[in-house]
């Protein structure tokens, strides 16, 4: 009897494995290349059905409002080909790297594909525009590094470009790197007047907290250099929960927000400015706002409750405190982490005049 059960279990596992292999991609990672800011770019993933059973793509979950998926919706017989198009809106400058989940009738678990792109500002011409930040004689492309939309278990990379404007060879080095960051220097020594880069890699498994994680690292100008505001580089990372197989799929919440661009007027001589945003649950399950965090120390957020029943709405109050402006390099923004599988993260930009 035991032998019969074991044989059946192995046979079932084998059939599931074959069932899940029906979709075959030419490439699971597509680099869409370089585009200009706000000029959308599209990655095309071509695939075919390698098995006898018809193949149907049920859903393509991009997990971000910045991506628009389109795909072949007809049932594909053995040997038939189809494609998935993912369009990125290119609203943010810099490197873009994101995983997309493809759900088919081959099983409950998705197949993951990956889109990469680079959004550049084509108007940059001078060295000062390319390297706007100076740490003594070392010029940097940025002093505020952001890792956005990193799912639990994934890694991500960001580059800081360097120009050695000193009269000697410069050996770049970063101090106070946390356990979740590693750095690679290319080249390890930069001749005077030459360029190089630092490649930072984020290891999300080392991040303890979901949501926004912030720290400061420091660029050493010489051997034995000390840390301080003059050589500080701010780093922020947003770690998203893995909701793809969570219970939320049985009774889905649906996160809705009145705006992601909050304009609260002119600060002038005022110490504080306030604005309101409406958040509601348009789904059937309980919406949980698990993390609400401000990128900048000058921003404070108040919310009456974080669990919203179906159809419920609350008002989120955002306050800008002028006393803390300038204490952080990060832009005034608010991060919201939810349990909506389609919209696990939203960022609200807080706009005001000084």
Foldseek 3Di string as FASTA:
>chain_A
DVVVVVVVVVVVVVVLVVLVPQKAWPALEFEQEEDAAQPKTKDKIKIFGADADWKAWDDKFQLDPQKDKDWDGDTHGHPDMIMMMIIGRRNDAAKDKGKMFIDMPSDLGTDIGMYIYGYDHPVDDDPCQCFVADLDQKTKNALEAEAEDAEAQDKDKGKIKIARQDQAKWAKDKPPDDPQKDWDWAVRIAGHRGMTMIMIMGGRNPDPDAAKDKDKMFIDRDPPDDDDPSGIRIYIYHYAYPLSPPPCVVWPWDKDKPDQEAEFEACVVNQKTKDKIKIATQTQAKKFFPDKDWPFPQKDKDWPDGIHHHGDMTMIMIMGGNVRPPVDPDAGKMWTAISRSSHRIGIHHYDYHD
